[in-house]
PDB file of N, CA and C in Angstrom:
ATOM      1  N   MET A   1       0.565   6.699   7.095  1.00  0.00           N
ATOM      2  CA  MET A   1       1.124   5.372   7.054  1.00  0.00           C
ATOM      3  C   MET A   1      -0.019   4.364   6.903  1.00  0.00           C
ATOM      4  N   VAL A   2       0.180   3.391   6.057  1.00  0.00           N
ATOM      5  CA  VAL A   2      -0.778   2.310   5.863  1.00  0.00           C
ATOM      6  C   VAL A   2      -0.383   1.168   6.791  1.00  0.00           C
ATOM      7  N   LYS A   3      -1.379   0.588   7.464  1.00  0.00           N
ATOM      8  CA  LYS A   3      -1.106  -0.512   8.386  1.00  0.00           C
ATOM      9  C   LYS A   3      -1.877  -1.752   7.949  1.00  0.00           C
ATOM     10  N   ILE A   4      -1.292  -2.907   8.202  1.00  0.00           N
ATOM     11  CA  ILE A   4      -1.973  -4.179   7.977  1.00  0.00           C
ATOM     12  C   ILE A   4      -2.174  -4.809   9.346  1.00  0.00           C
ATOM     13  N   GLN A   5      -3.431  -5.148   9.633  1.00  0.00           N
ATOM     14  CA  GLN A   5      -3.765  -5.756  10.918  1.00  0.00           C
ATOM     15  C   GLN A   5      -4.385  -7.130  10.672  1.00  0.00           C
ATOM     16  N   LYS A   6      -4.224  -8.020  11.631  1.00  0.00           N
ATOM     17  CA  LYS A   6      -4.789  -9.355  11.530  1.00  0.00           C
ATOM     18  C   LYS A   6      -5.919  -9.489  12.548  1.00  0.00           C
ATOM     19  N   LEU A   7      -7.100  -9.842  12.046  1.00  0.00           N
ATOM     20  CA  LEU A   7      -8.258 -10.045  12.909  1.00  0.00           C
ATOM     21  C   LEU A   7      -8.180 -11.420  13.565  1.00  0.00           C
ATOM     22  N   PRO A   8      -8.932 -11.634  14.651  1.00  0.00           N
ATOM     23  CA  PRO A   8      -8.936 -12.947  15.300  1.00  0.00           C
ATOM     24  C   PRO A   8      -9.315 -14.087  14.348  1.00  0.00           C
ATOM     25  N   SER A   9     -10.090 -13.757  13.285  1.00  0.00           N
ATOM     26  CA  SER A   9     -10.501 -14.774  12.309  1.00  0.00           C
ATOM     27  C   SER A   9      -9.366 -15.141  11.360  1.00  0.00           C
ATOM     28  N   GLY A  10      -8.266 -14.375  11.408  1.00  0.00           N
ATOM     29  CA  GLY A  10      -7.141 -14.617  10.521  1.00  0.00           C
ATOM     30  C   GLY A  10      -7.151 -13.709   9.298  1.00  0.00           C
ATOM     31  N   GLN A  11      -8.248 -12.994   9.078  1.00  0.00           N
ATOM     32  CA  GLN A  11      -8.360 -12.083   7.941  1.00  0.00           C
ATOM     33  C   GLN A  11      -7.437 -10.878   8.150  1.00  0.00           C
ATOM     34  N   LEU A  12      -6.807 -10.426   7.066  1.00  0.00           N
ATOM     35  CA  LEU A  12      -5.953  -9.238   7.126  1.00  0.00           C
ATOM     36  C   LEU A  12      -6.759  -8.028   6.669  1.00  0.00           C
ATOM     37  N   VAL A  13      -6.568  -6.902   7.356  1.00  0.00           N
ATOM     38  CA  VAL A  13      -7.289  -5.667   7.070  1.00  0.00           C
ATOM     39  C   VAL A  13      -6.261  -4.565   6.850  1.00  0.00           C
ATOM     40  N   ILE A  14      -6.449  -3.788   5.771  1.00  0.00           N
ATOM     41  CA  ILE A  14      -5.570  -2.656   5.491  1.00  0.00           C
ATOM     42  C   ILE A  14      -6.235  -1.391   6.005  1.00  0.00           C
ATOM     43  N   THR A  15      -5.489  -0.618   6.780  1.00  0.00           N
ATOM     44  CA  THR A  15      -5.988   0.641   7.323  1.00  0.00           C
ATOM     45  C   THR A  15      -5.204   1.775   6.671  1.00  0.00           C
ATOM     46  N   ILE A  16      -5.948   2.758   6.112  1.00  0.00           N
ATOM     47  CA  ILE A  16      -5.295   3.912   5.498  1.00  0.00           C
ATOM     48  C   ILE A  16      -5.635   5.161   6.302  1.00  0.00           C
ATOM     49  N   PRO A  17      -4.810   6.196   6.207  1.00  0.00           N
ATOM     50  CA  PRO A  17      -5.070   7.420   6.967  1.00  0.00           C
ATOM     51  C   PRO A  17      -6.405   8.065   6.598  1.00  0.00           C
ATOM     52  N   LYS A  18      -7.078   8.621   7.599  1.00  0.00           N
ATOM     53  CA  LYS A  18      -8.380   9.258   7.415  1.00  0.00           C
ATOM     54  C   LYS A  18      -8.318  10.388   6.387  1.00  0.00           C
ATOM     55  N   LEU A  19      -7.275  11.212   6.441  1.00  0.00           N
ATOM     56  CA  LEU A  19      -7.149  12.329   5.502  1.00  0.00           C
ATOM     57  C   LEU A  19      -7.055  11.848   4.051  1.00  0.00           C
ATOM     58  N   LEU A  20      -6.332  10.761   3.828  1.00  0.00           N
ATOM     59  CA  LEU A  20      -6.231  10.200   2.484  1.00  0.00           C
ATOM     60  C   LEU A  20      -7.578   9.672   2.012  1.00  0.00           C
ATOM     61  N   ALA A  21      -8.292   8.987   2.895  1.00  0.00           N
ATOM     62  CA  ALA A  21      -9.618   8.456   2.548  1.00  0.00           C
ATOM     63  C   ALA A  21     -10.585   9.596   2.217  1.00  0.00           C
ATOM     64  N   GLU A  22     -10.561  10.651   3.020  1.00  0.00           N
ATOM     65  CA  GLU A  22     -11.440  11.798   2.757  1.00  0.00           C
ATOM     66  C   GLU A  22     -11.086  12.464   1.434  1.00  0.00           C
ATOM     67  N   TYR A  23      -9.809  12.623   1.158  1.00  0.00           N
ATOM     68  CA  TYR A  23      -9.354  13.253  -0.082  1.00  0.00           C
ATOM     69  C   TYR A  23      -9.833  12.473  -1.304  1.00  0.00           C
ATOM     70  N   GLU A  24      -9.802  11.144  -1.215  1.00  0.00           N
ATOM     71  CA  GLU A  24     -10.207  10.287  -2.327  1.00  0.00           C
ATOM     72  C   GLU A  24     -11.704   9.993  -2.333  1.00  0.00           C
ATOM     73  N   GLY A  25     -12.416  10.465  -1.302  1.00  0.00           N
ATOM     74  CA  GLY A  25     -13.855  10.224  -1.233  1.00  0.00           C
ATOM     75  C   GLY A  25     -14.210   8.799  -0.852  1.00  0.00           C
ATOM     76  N   LEU A  26     -13.325   8.128  -0.143  1.00  0.00           N
ATOM     77  CA  LEU A  26     -13.571   6.745   0.272  1.00  0.00           C
ATOM     78  C   LEU A  26     -14.442   6.715   1.519  1.00  0.00           C
ATOM     79  N   ARG A  27     -15.336   5.732   1.558  1.00  0.00           N
ATOM     80  CA  ARG A  27     -16.216   5.555   2.711  1.00  0.00           C
ATOM     81  C   ARG A  27     -16.277   4.079   3.093  1.00  0.00           C
ATOM     82  N   LYS A  28     -16.746   3.827   4.277  1.00  0.00           N
ATOM     83  CA  LYS A  28     -16.883   2.460   4.786  1.00  0.00           C
ATOM     84  C   LYS A  28     -17.712   1.636   3.812  1.00  0.00           C
ATOM     85  N   GLY A  29     -17.230   0.473   3.499  1.00  0.00           N
ATOM     86  CA  GLY A  29     -17.960  -0.441   2.630  1.00  0.00           C
ATOM     87  C   GLY A  29     -17.602  -0.346   1.153  1.00  0.00           C
ATOM     88  N   MET A  30     -16.808   0.657   0.776  1.00  0.00           N
ATOM     89  CA  MET A  30     -16.401   0.771  -0.628  1.00  0.00           C
ATOM     90  C   MET A  30     -15.427  -0.348  -0.966  1.00  0.00           C
ATOM     91  N   GLU A  31     -15.403  -0.720  -2.238  1.00  0.00           N
ATOM     92  CA  GLU A  31     -14.517  -1.786  -2.687  1.00  0.00           C
ATOM     93  C   GLU A  31     -13.381  -1.227  -3.522  1.00  0.00           C
ATOM     94  N   LEU A  32     -12.195  -1.791  -3.309  1.00  0.00           N
ATOM     95  CA  LEU A  32     -11.006  -1.416  -4.063  1.00  0.00           C
ATOM     96  C   LEU A  32     -10.449  -2.667  -4.728  1.00  0.00           C
ATOM     97  N   ASP A  33      -9.870  -2.494  -5.894  1.00  0.00           N
ATOM     98  CA  ASP A  33      -9.179  -3.584  -6.572  1.00  0.00           C
ATOM     99  C   ASP A  33      -7.688  -3.445  -6.335  1.00  0.00           C
ATOM    100  N   PHE A  34      -7.010  -4.571  -6.126  1.00  0.00           N
ATOM    101  CA  PHE A  34      -5.560  -4.602  -6.022  1.00  0.00           C
ATOM    102  C   PHE A  34      -5.014  -4.982  -7.386  1.00  0.00           C
ATOM    103  N   LYS A  35      -4.037  -4.242  -7.851  1.00  0.00           N
ATOM    104  CA  LYS A  35      -3.356  -4.595  -9.092  1.00  0.00           C
ATOM    105  C   LYS A  35      -1.869  -4.704  -8.775  1.00  0.00           C
ATOM    106  N   LYS A  36      -1.263  -5.766  -9.254  1.00  0.00           N
ATOM    107  CA  LYS A  36       0.169  -5.986  -9.019  1.00  0.00           C
ATOM    108  C   LYS A  36       0.976  -4.973  -9.806  1.00  0.00           C
ATOM    109  N   HIS A  37       1.984  -4.433  -9.170  1.00  0.00           N
ATOM    110  CA  HIS A  37       2.902  -3.474  -9.772  1.00  0.00           C
ATOM    111  C   HIS A  37       4.303  -3.997  -9.518  1.00  0.00           C
ATOM    112  N   LYS A  38       5.245  -3.619 -10.351  1.00  0.00           N
ATOM    113  CA  LYS A  38       6.606  -4.156 -10.188  1.00  0.00           C
ATOM    114  C   LYS A  38       7.195  -3.896  -8.810  1.00  0.00           C
ATOM    115  N   ASP A  39       6.757  -2.794  -8.149  1.00  0.00           N
ATOM    116  CA  ASP A  39       7.291  -2.460  -6.832  1.00  0.00           C
ATOM    117  C   ASP A  39       6.316  -2.729  -5.696  1.00  0.00           C
ATOM    118  N   GLY A  40       5.196  -3.351  -5.988  1.00  0.00           N
ATOM    119  CA  GLY A  40       4.212  -3.619  -4.936  1.00  0.00           C
ATOM    120  C   GLY A  40       2.816  -3.749  -5.502  1.00  0.00           C
ATOM    121  N   PHE A  41       1.873  -2.945  -4.965  1.00  0.00           N
ATOM    122  CA  PHE A  41       0.482  -2.997  -5.387  1.00  0.00           C
ATOM    123  C   PHE A  41      -0.030  -1.599  -5.699  1.00  0.00           C
ATOM    124  N   ILE A  42      -1.047  -1.550  -6.550  1.00  0.00           N
ATOM    125  CA  ILE A  42      -1.784  -0.321  -6.826  1.00  0.00           C
ATOM    126  C   ILE A  42      -3.221  -0.586  -6.408  1.00  0.00           C
ATOM    127  N   LEU A  43      -3.809   0.344  -5.657  1.00  0.00           N
ATOM    128  CA  LEU A  43      -5.217   0.235  -5.282  1.00  0.00           C
ATOM    129  C   LEU A  43      -6.031   1.065  -6.250  1.00  0.00           C
ATOM    130  N   GLU A  44      -7.088   0.467  -6.788  1.00  0.00           N
ATOM    131  CA  GLU A  44      -7.962   1.160  -7.728  1.00  0.00           C
ATOM    132  C   GLU A  44      -9.384   1.123  -7.185  1.00  0.00           C
ATOM    133  N   ILE A  45     -10.020   2.304  -7.096  1.00  0.00           N
ATOM    134  CA  ILE A  45     -11.389   2.381  -6.607  1.00  0.00           C
ATOM    135  C   ILE A  45     -12.310   1.781  -7.654  1.00  0.00           C
ATOM    136  N   LYS A  46     -13.153   0.829  -7.233  1.00  0.00           N
ATOM    137  CA  LYS A  46     -14.097   0.202  -8.166  1.00  0.00           C
ATOM    138  C   LYS A  46     -15.189   1.206  -8.534  1.00  0.00           C
ATOM    139  N   LYS A  47     -15.459   1.329  -9.805  1.00  0.00           N
ATOM    140  CA  LYS A  47     -16.495   2.242 -10.283  1.00  0.00           C
ATOM    141  C   LYS A  47     -17.868   1.690  -9.912  1.00  0.00           C
ATOM    142  N   GLY A  48     -18.759   2.576  -9.509  1.00  0.00           N
ATOM    143  CA  GLY A  48     -20.125   2.175  -9.212  1.00  0.00           C
ATOM    144  C   GLY A  48     -20.337   1.529  -7.860  1.00  0.00           C
ATOM    145  N   LYS A  49     -19.298   1.374  -7.089  1.00  0.00           N
ATOM    146  CA  LYS A  49     -19.416   0.772  -5.761  1.00  0.00           C
ATOM    147  C   LYS A  49     -19.446   1.887  -4.726  1.00  0.00           C
ATOM    148  N   VAL A  50     -20.611   2.174  -4.192  1.00  0.00           N
ATOM    149  CA  VAL A  50     -20.775   3.292  -3.255  1.00  0.00           C
ATOM    150  C   VAL A  50     -20.801   2.754  -1.839  1.00  0.00           C
ATOM    151  N   GLY A  51     -20.010   3.371  -0.989  1.00  0.00           N
ATOM    152  CA  GLY A  51     -19.980   2.983   0.422  1.00  0.00           C
ATOM    153  C   GLY A  51     -21.037   3.700   1.229  1.00  0.00           C
ATOM    154  N   LYS A  52     -21.120   3.332   2.482  1.00  0.00           N
ATOM    155  CA  LYS A  52     -22.096   3.941   3.398  1.00  0.00           C
ATOM    156  C   LYS A  52     -21.593   5.286   3.880  1.00  0.00           C
ATOM    157  N   LYS A  53     -22.489   6.251   3.982  1.00  0.00           N
ATOM    158  CA  LYS A  53     -22.108   7.576   4.498  1.00  0.00           C
ATOM    159  C   LYS A  53     -22.171   7.587   5.997  1.00  0.00           C
TER     160      LYS A  53
END
């Protein structure tokens, strides 16, 4: 399940399951692009943006 949380600063943060992140090779600090889709959003991993291990 994906969760949206609100930080004290008012910023919204999306949390995805650890297994999904590991499967896709996502790491802390990586950047994703949001693209509008007729039924919601599509997340696209930005090429060349490497997160911290």
